[in-house]
Amino acid sequence: MLLSWLFGRKKGPSKKKSSKKKGPSGSRASGRKKEKDKRSSLLRRSSPQKAKRPQVKKEHSLQHIGDVIHFFPKVKAGVIRLRRGSLQIGDTICCKGATTDFRQKVSSMEIDHKPIDTAKKGQEIGILLKKRVRIGDKVYK
């Protein structure tokens, strides 16, 4: 009591007018609490559903036949070293890498600037590609 007299404070609660709107029960805090309860009850009502996983294509049918060892961006041609199997014009290949994932049909193949129809294991061939590939990308058939 002595301290309040020294600092000029009055006894009892001070009545300050607030410019903020009050809730339906008369106090701001209870209005916020009711809104929070309403939101949490809405969240509780909805039953948790399992997230659907996207269908992933199985790659069991694809066979790894080689790797990209160079790419020529102006002509969009890639050099592929065949590791196993063979490749013919008209075959569908799939190029996969960190940023690459596409399929296309082989339209032309060359070895040392000479067109060829088939390529065998161990050869380095040049193929026209529809998109950019990077060194190290895998080629599947």
Protein backbone atom coordinates (compact mmCIF):
# COMPACT_ATOMS: atom_id res chain seq x y z
CA MET A 1 0.00 0.00 0.00
CA LEU A 2 2.80 2.33 0.83
CA LEU A 3 4.53 1.66 -2.49
CA SER A 4 1.39 2.32 -4.50
CA TRP A 5 0.98 5.65 -2.69
CA LEU A 6 4.61 6.59 -3.49
CA PHE A 7 4.32 5.80 -7.17
CA GLY A 8 0.91 7.35 -7.58
CA ARG A 9 -1.03 4.22 -8.38
CA LYS A 10 -4.60 3.74 -7.38
CA LYS A 11 -5.98 0.73 -5.61
CA GLY A 12 -8.03 -1.74 -7.63
CA PRO A 13 -8.15 -2.47 -11.33
CA SER A 14 -7.94 0.41 -13.75
CA LYS A 15 -10.70 0.78 -16.30
CA LYS A 16 -9.31 1.41 -19.73
CA LYS A 17 -11.46 1.53 -22.83
CA SER A 18 -10.40 -0.81 -25.58
CA SER A 19 -10.91 -0.13 -29.26
CA LYS A 20 -10.84 -3.84 -30.04
CA LYS A 21 -14.10 -5.73 -30.47
CA LYS A 22 -15.11 -8.14 -27.79
CA GLY A 23 -16.39 -11.64 -28.36
CA PRO A 24 -19.99 -12.74 -27.78
CA SER A 25 -19.31 -13.60 -24.15
CA GLY A 26 -17.94 -10.13 -23.44
CA SER A 27 -14.19 -10.73 -23.40
CA ARG A 28 -11.69 -10.84 -26.24
CA ALA A 29 -9.79 -13.86 -24.92
CA SER A 30 -12.83 -16.12 -24.72
CA GLY A 31 -13.78 -15.26 -28.33
CA ARG A 32 -10.34 -16.29 -29.55
CA LYS A 33 -10.52 -19.46 -27.52
CA LYS A 34 -13.87 -20.40 -29.05
CA GLU A 35 -12.53 -19.82 -32.57
CA LYS A 36 -9.52 -22.03 -31.79
CA ASP A 37 -11.79 -24.75 -30.36
CA LYS A 38 -13.96 -24.60 -33.48
CA ARG A 39 -10.93 -25.03 -35.78
CA SER A 40 -9.50 -27.90 -33.76
CA SER A 41 -12.87 -29.71 -33.72
CA LEU A 42 -13.04 -29.43 -37.52
CA LEU A 43 -9.61 -30.97 -37.78
CA ARG A 44 -10.57 -33.79 -35.45
CA ARG A 45 -13.74 -34.61 -37.37
CA SER A 46 -12.05 -35.34 -40.67
CA SER A 47 -10.77 -38.88 -40.73
CA PRO A 48 -7.11 -39.20 -41.61
CA GLN A 49 -6.66 -40.68 -45.06
CA LYS A 50 -3.55 -42.34 -46.31
CA ALA A 51 -1.76 -40.40 -48.99
CA LYS A 52 -1.97 -42.12 -52.36
CA ARG A 53 1.40 -42.92 -53.80
CA PRO A 54 1.88 -42.19 -57.48
CA GLN A 55 2.11 -45.21 -59.71
CA VAL A 56 5.76 -45.88 -60.49
CA LYS A 57 6.56 -47.63 -63.72
CA LYS A 58 8.43 -50.84 -63.15
CA GLU A 59 11.72 -50.95 -64.96
CA HIS A 60 12.14 -54.70 -64.87
CA SER A 61 11.46 -54.88 -68.61
CA LEU A 62 14.15 -52.31 -69.44
CA GLN A 63 17.68 -53.55 -69.98
CA HIS A 64 20.69 -51.29 -69.36
CA ILE A 65 22.58 -51.25 -72.66
CA GLY A 66 25.01 -48.35 -72.30
CA ASP A 67 26.06 -44.95 -71.00
CA VAL A 68 26.24 -41.46 -72.48
CA ILE A 69 29.88 -40.39 -72.85
CA HIS A 70 29.41 -37.13 -74.79
CA PHE A 71 26.69 -34.75 -76.05
CA PHE A 72 26.80 -32.29 -78.95
CA PRO A 73 24.25 -29.55 -78.13
CA LYS A 74 24.13 -27.81 -81.55
CA VAL A 75 23.13 -30.94 -83.45
CA LYS A 76 21.47 -32.63 -80.42
CA ALA A 77 23.46 -35.80 -80.84
CA GLY A 78 24.79 -38.03 -78.09
CA VAL A 79 27.65 -40.51 -78.05
CA ILE A 80 26.72 -43.76 -76.35
CA ARG A 81 29.08 -46.56 -75.37
CA LEU A 82 27.21 -49.86 -75.60
CA ARG A 83 27.97 -52.07 -72.58
CA ARG A 84 25.75 -55.06 -73.45
CA GLY A 85 23.29 -56.12 -76.08
CA SER A 86 22.77 -54.54 -79.47
CA LEU A 87 20.85 -51.59 -80.86
CA GLN A 88 19.06 -51.19 -84.19
CA ILE A 89 17.35 -48.33 -85.98
CA GLY A 90 13.71 -48.33 -84.90
CA ASP A 91 14.41 -49.58 -81.34
CA THR A 92 12.96 -47.55 -78.47
CA ILE A 93 15.56 -46.32 -76.00
CA CYS A 94 15.12 -44.69 -72.61
CA CYS A 95 17.67 -42.17 -71.30
CA LYS A 96 17.71 -41.68 -67.53
CA GLY A 97 19.87 -39.55 -65.31
CA ALA A 98 19.71 -37.02 -62.49
CA THR A 99 17.84 -34.48 -64.63
CA THR A 100 17.06 -36.60 -67.68
CA ASP A 101 14.18 -39.00 -68.23
CA PHE A 102 12.71 -39.55 -71.71
CA ARG A 103 12.00 -42.22 -74.32
CA GLN A 104 12.46 -42.06 -78.06
CA LYS A 105 12.89 -44.22 -81.12
CA VAL A 106 16.32 -44.45 -82.69
CA SER A 107 16.11 -42.65 -86.03
CA SER A 108 19.77 -42.59 -87.05
CA MET A 109 23.06 -44.05 -85.83
CA GLU A 110 26.63 -43.38 -86.91
CA ILE A 111 30.11 -44.66 -86.22
CA ASP A 112 32.91 -42.35 -87.41
CA HIS A 113 30.47 -40.29 -89.55
CA LYS A 114 29.25 -43.42 -91.37
CA PRO A 115 25.59 -44.40 -90.99
CA ILE A 116 24.92 -47.88 -89.62
CA ASP A 117 21.81 -50.00 -89.08
CA THR A 118 22.91 -52.04 -86.05
CA ALA A 119 25.43 -51.56 -83.27
CA LYS A 120 26.95 -54.22 -81.02
CA LYS A 121 28.42 -54.42 -77.54
CA GLY A 122 31.63 -52.39 -77.10
CA GLN A 123 30.98 -49.85 -79.88
CA GLU A 124 30.68 -46.09 -79.40
CA ILE A 125 27.84 -44.77 -81.52
CA GLY A 126 26.38 -41.37 -82.26
CA ILE A 127 22.59 -41.01 -82.06
CA LEU A 128 20.31 -38.05 -82.77
CA LEU A 129 18.37 -37.27 -79.58
CA LYS A 130 15.24 -35.19 -79.01
CA LYS A 131 16.38 -33.80 -75.63
CA ARG A 132 19.60 -32.94 -73.84
CA VAL A 133 21.51 -35.71 -72.09
CA ARG A 134 24.43 -35.47 -69.69
CA ILE A 135 27.61 -37.46 -69.43
CA GLY A 136 26.98 -40.50 -67.27
CA ASP A 137 23.26 -40.84 -68.06
CA LYS A 138 22.12 -44.44 -68.44
CA VAL A 139 20.60 -45.75 -71.66
CA TYR A 140 18.02 -48.55 -71.49
CA LYS A 141 16.33 -50.59 -74.20
